[in-house]
Every structure is written in C-alpha cells, then in structure tokens.
Amino acid sequence: MPQEALGHVQVALAQTGHWLRNLGRVPDGFQAPPVAREPYLETMASGFGELRAVRHSARLSRTPVAWTFPSMPPGSSLPQWRGDRA
C-alpha cells in the first residue's frame, strides 16, 4: 500500500471517551466470564527488573512490532539522541 494511501489521523482523548460511552453497555456485562489475559501479556527485562505488560495491539506480518528499548530508571543513559554516538 502506498504511503499516501495511509493518510494521517488525529483523535482527541476526550472525544474518543465520549464515543466509547455512547456505544452503550452489554446487558449483564458484569456477569460475563473472566477473559484469559495471558495471550495478551508479555514479559521482558527492564531497568526496573522483570516487566510484565500488555502486548502491542498491532500485529504485522512483515514488520513485527516490538519495543526497541525497555523501560529504564531516569538517569540510566546519557542525555543524547540515539543517533549521536560520540
């Protein structure tokens, strides 16, 4: 798909929340059985120890989505752009 066909989207958090609330509720939704969370979680090493988080929602066959750098405590790296290798 050409880059031009992808376009650009801007959304407002408040408007998205309003839209979601207007979708309504599922009857007896709180009585629904719990959802298995394991398929949606991933575990990785970070500067804080083992980190367990929700996987990225995108699933692309040619360009797998991944977090390049883990969460790190402030001050763990020099204040420079990743491309600046002095």
N, C-alpha and C. Protein backbone atom coordinates (compact mmCIF):
# COMPACT_ATOMS: atom_id res chain seq x y z
N MET A 1 0.85 -1.17 0.00
CA MET A 1 0.00 0.00 0.00
C MET A 1 0.89 1.23 0.00
N PRO A 2 0.66 2.19 -0.90
CA PRO A 2 1.49 3.40 -0.95
C PRO A 2 1.33 4.22 0.32
N GLN A 3 2.40 4.90 0.70
CA GLN A 3 2.38 5.73 1.90
C GLN A 3 1.25 6.75 1.86
N GLU A 4 0.99 7.33 0.69
CA GLU A 4 -0.05 8.35 0.57
C GLU A 4 -1.44 7.79 0.93
N ALA A 5 -1.64 6.50 0.70
CA ALA A 5 -2.95 5.89 0.97
C ALA A 5 -3.20 5.72 2.46
N LEU A 6 -2.14 5.71 3.26
CA LEU A 6 -2.31 5.51 4.69
C LEU A 6 -2.92 6.72 5.38
N GLY A 7 -2.59 7.92 4.90
CA GLY A 7 -3.16 9.13 5.47
C GLY A 7 -2.65 9.44 6.86
N HIS A 8 -3.30 10.38 7.50
CA HIS A 8 -2.91 10.83 8.84
C HIS A 8 -4.18 10.99 9.66
N VAL A 9 -4.18 10.49 10.87
CA VAL A 9 -5.37 10.56 11.72
C VAL A 9 -5.00 11.26 13.02
N GLN A 10 -5.85 12.18 13.44
CA GLN A 10 -5.70 12.82 14.74
C GLN A 10 -6.98 12.56 15.51
N VAL A 11 -6.85 12.18 16.76
CA VAL A 11 -8.02 11.94 17.60
C VAL A 11 -7.82 12.66 18.92
N ALA A 12 -8.94 13.00 19.54
CA ALA A 12 -8.90 13.62 20.85
C ALA A 12 -9.30 12.57 21.88
N LEU A 13 -8.56 12.49 22.97
CA LEU A 13 -8.84 11.51 24.00
C LEU A 13 -10.24 11.70 24.57
N ALA A 14 -10.64 12.92 24.84
CA ALA A 14 -11.97 13.18 25.40
C ALA A 14 -13.06 12.75 24.43
N GLN A 15 -12.89 13.05 23.16
CA GLN A 15 -13.90 12.68 22.17
C GLN A 15 -13.97 11.16 22.00
N THR A 16 -12.82 10.50 22.08
CA THR A 16 -12.81 9.03 22.00
C THR A 16 -13.54 8.43 23.19
N GLY A 17 -13.31 8.97 24.39
CA GLY A 17 -14.02 8.50 25.57
C GLY A 17 -15.52 8.72 25.45
N HIS A 18 -15.91 9.86 24.91
CA HIS A 18 -17.33 10.15 24.69
C HIS A 18 -17.94 9.13 23.73
N TRP A 19 -17.23 8.85 22.65
CA TRP A 19 -17.70 7.87 21.66
C TRP A 19 -17.87 6.49 22.31
N LEU A 20 -16.88 6.06 23.11
CA LEU A 20 -16.96 4.76 23.76
C LEU A 20 -18.15 4.68 24.73
N ARG A 21 -18.38 5.74 25.49
CA ARG A 21 -19.52 5.74 26.42
C ARG A 21 -20.85 5.66 25.68
N ASN A 22 -20.90 6.27 24.50
CA ASN A 22 -22.14 6.26 23.73
C ASN A 22 -22.41 4.93 23.03
N LEU A 23 -21.45 4.02 23.06
CA LEU A 23 -21.68 2.70 22.47
C LEU A 23 -22.69 1.89 23.29
N GLY A 24 -22.87 2.27 24.53
CA GLY A 24 -23.81 1.55 25.39
C GLY A 24 -23.12 0.42 26.12
N ARG A 25 -23.90 -0.34 26.84
CA ARG A 25 -23.38 -1.44 27.65
C ARG A 25 -23.96 -2.76 27.20
N VAL A 26 -23.24 -3.80 27.46
CA VAL A 26 -23.70 -5.16 27.19
C VAL A 26 -24.62 -5.56 28.33
N PRO A 27 -25.82 -6.04 28.02
CA PRO A 27 -26.70 -6.47 29.11
C PRO A 27 -26.02 -7.53 29.99
N ASP A 28 -26.10 -7.37 31.28
CA ASP A 28 -25.47 -8.28 32.24
C ASP A 28 -23.97 -8.43 31.99
N GLY A 29 -23.34 -7.37 31.53
CA GLY A 29 -21.91 -7.42 31.20
C GLY A 29 -21.03 -7.80 32.36
N PHE A 30 -21.42 -7.42 33.57
CA PHE A 30 -20.61 -7.76 34.75
C PHE A 30 -20.74 -9.23 35.12
N GLN A 31 -21.69 -9.93 34.52
CA GLN A 31 -21.87 -11.36 34.78
C GLN A 31 -21.08 -12.20 33.78
N ALA A 32 -20.43 -11.56 32.82
CA ALA A 32 -19.66 -12.29 31.81
C ALA A 32 -18.49 -13.02 32.47
N PRO A 33 -18.10 -14.18 31.92
CA PRO A 33 -16.95 -14.90 32.49
C PRO A 33 -15.66 -14.11 32.28
N PRO A 34 -14.70 -14.28 33.17
CA PRO A 34 -13.43 -13.56 33.02
C PRO A 34 -12.72 -13.95 31.72
N VAL A 35 -12.02 -13.00 31.17
CA VAL A 35 -11.27 -13.21 29.93
C VAL A 35 -9.86 -13.68 30.28
N ALA A 36 -9.33 -14.64 29.52
CA ALA A 36 -7.94 -15.09 29.73
C ALA A 36 -7.00 -13.96 29.31
N ARG A 37 -6.19 -13.48 30.24
CA ARG A 37 -5.29 -12.35 29.95
C ARG A 37 -3.95 -12.79 29.40
N GLU A 38 -3.54 -14.01 29.70
CA GLU A 38 -2.20 -14.48 29.32
C GLU A 38 -1.85 -14.26 27.85
N PRO A 39 -2.74 -14.53 26.89
CA PRO A 39 -2.36 -14.33 25.49
C PRO A 39 -2.02 -12.89 25.14
N TYR A 40 -2.43 -11.95 25.97
CA TYR A 40 -2.23 -10.53 25.68
C TYR A 40 -1.07 -9.91 26.46
N LEU A 41 -0.37 -10.72 27.24
CA LEU A 41 0.72 -10.20 28.07
C LEU A 41 2.08 -10.66 27.55
N GLU A 42 3.10 -9.87 27.82
CA GLU A 42 4.47 -10.26 27.51
C GLU A 42 5.36 -9.88 28.68
N THR A 43 6.46 -10.58 28.82
CA THR A 43 7.41 -10.33 29.89
C THR A 43 8.75 -9.99 29.27
N MET A 44 9.41 -8.96 29.81
CA MET A 44 10.71 -8.54 29.27
C MET A 44 11.57 -7.99 30.41
N ALA A 45 12.86 -7.97 30.18
CA ALA A 45 13.78 -7.38 31.15
C ALA A 45 13.73 -5.86 31.00
N SER A 46 13.89 -5.16 32.11
CA SER A 46 13.94 -3.70 32.07
C SER A 46 14.91 -3.22 33.15
N GLY A 47 15.12 -1.93 33.19
CA GLY A 47 15.98 -1.36 34.21
C GLY A 47 15.38 -1.44 35.60
N PHE A 48 14.12 -1.84 35.69
CA PHE A 48 13.44 -1.99 36.98
C PHE A 48 13.30 -3.45 37.38
N GLY A 49 13.88 -4.35 36.58
CA GLY A 49 13.70 -5.79 36.80
C GLY A 49 12.78 -6.34 35.74
N GLU A 50 12.19 -7.48 36.01
CA GLU A 50 11.29 -8.10 35.05
C GLU A 50 10.01 -7.26 34.92
N LEU A 51 9.64 -6.96 33.68
CA LEU A 51 8.47 -6.13 33.40
C LEU A 51 7.42 -6.97 32.69
N ARG A 52 6.21 -6.95 33.19
CA ARG A 52 5.10 -7.67 32.57
C ARG A 52 4.10 -6.63 32.10
N ALA A 53 3.77 -6.68 30.83
CA ALA A 53 2.92 -5.63 30.25
C ALA A 53 2.01 -6.21 29.18
N VAL A 54 1.03 -5.43 28.80
CA VAL A 54 0.13 -5.80 27.71
C VAL A 54 0.90 -5.68 26.40
N ARG A 55 0.78 -6.69 25.55
CA ARG A 55 1.45 -6.67 24.24
C ARG A 55 0.94 -5.50 23.40
N HIS A 56 1.74 -5.09 22.45
CA HIS A 56 1.31 -4.09 21.49
C HIS A 56 0.13 -4.65 20.71
N SER A 57 -0.85 -3.84 20.42
CA SER A 57 -2.05 -4.33 19.74
C SER A 57 -1.84 -4.59 18.26
N ALA A 58 -0.84 -3.98 17.67
CA ALA A 58 -0.59 -4.18 16.23
C ALA A 58 0.05 -5.54 15.99
N ARG A 59 -0.38 -6.20 14.95
CA ARG A 59 0.20 -7.47 14.52
C ARG A 59 0.44 -7.38 13.03
N LEU A 60 1.69 -7.19 12.64
CA LEU A 60 2.04 -7.02 11.23
C LEU A 60 2.95 -8.16 10.80
N SER A 61 2.67 -8.75 9.65
CA SER A 61 3.44 -9.92 9.21
C SER A 61 4.85 -9.56 8.75
N ARG A 62 5.03 -8.43 8.09
CA ARG A 62 6.35 -8.08 7.55
C ARG A 62 7.21 -7.27 8.51
N THR A 63 6.60 -6.50 9.35
CA THR A 63 7.35 -5.66 10.28
C THR A 63 6.81 -5.89 11.69
N PRO A 64 7.33 -6.89 12.38
CA PRO A 64 6.85 -7.18 13.73
C PRO A 64 7.00 -5.97 14.65
N VAL A 65 6.01 -5.74 15.45
CA VAL A 65 6.04 -4.62 16.39
C VAL A 65 6.75 -5.07 17.66
N ALA A 66 7.66 -4.25 18.12
CA ALA A 66 8.38 -4.56 19.36
C ALA A 66 8.89 -3.26 19.96
N TRP A 67 9.06 -3.27 21.26
CA TRP A 67 9.66 -2.12 21.92
C TRP A 67 11.16 -2.27 21.79
N THR A 68 11.82 -1.33 21.15
CA THR A 68 13.26 -1.42 20.91
C THR A 68 14.07 -1.30 22.20
N PHE A 69 13.64 -0.41 23.08
CA PHE A 69 14.36 -0.18 24.32
C PHE A 69 13.42 -0.40 25.50
N PRO A 70 13.86 -1.08 26.53
CA PRO A 70 12.99 -1.32 27.69
C PRO A 70 12.85 -0.07 28.56
N SER A 71 11.92 -0.10 29.48
CA SER A 71 11.78 0.97 30.46
C SER A 71 13.02 1.01 31.33
N MET A 72 13.51 2.20 31.58
CA MET A 72 14.71 2.37 32.38
C MET A 72 14.50 3.48 33.39
N PRO A 73 15.15 3.39 34.55
CA PRO A 73 15.05 4.47 35.53
C PRO A 73 15.64 5.77 34.97
N PRO A 74 15.10 6.91 35.36
CA PRO A 74 15.68 8.19 34.93
C PRO A 74 17.16 8.26 35.28
N GLY A 75 17.95 8.78 34.36
CA GLY A 75 19.38 8.92 34.58
C GLY A 75 20.19 7.70 34.19
N SER A 76 19.55 6.69 33.62
CA SER A 76 20.26 5.46 33.23
C SER A 76 21.13 5.64 31.99
N SER A 77 20.80 6.62 31.16
CA SER A 77 21.53 6.86 29.92
C SER A 77 21.97 8.31 29.85
N LEU A 78 22.99 8.56 29.05
CA LEU A 78 23.44 9.92 28.82
C LEU A 78 22.35 10.68 28.07
N PRO A 79 22.18 11.98 28.33
CA PRO A 79 21.15 12.77 27.63
C PRO A 79 21.60 13.10 26.21
N GLN A 80 21.39 12.17 25.30
CA GLN A 80 21.75 12.38 23.89
C GLN A 80 20.77 11.63 23.00
N TRP A 81 20.68 12.06 21.75
CA TRP A 81 19.85 11.36 20.78
C TRP A 81 20.47 10.04 20.45
N ARG A 82 19.68 9.04 20.11
CA ARG A 82 20.19 7.70 19.82
C ARG A 82 21.18 7.71 18.66
N GLY A 83 21.03 8.60 17.71
CA GLY A 83 21.94 8.67 16.56
C GLY A 83 23.28 9.29 16.88
N ASP A 84 23.39 10.01 17.99
CA ASP A 84 24.64 10.69 18.37
C ASP A 84 25.54 9.70 19.10
N ARG A 85 26.50 9.17 18.42
CA ARG A 85 27.45 8.24 19.04
C ARG A 85 28.81 8.91 19.09
N ALA A 86 29.14 9.51 20.22
CA ALA A 86 30.41 10.23 20.34
C ALA A 86 31.49 9.34 20.87
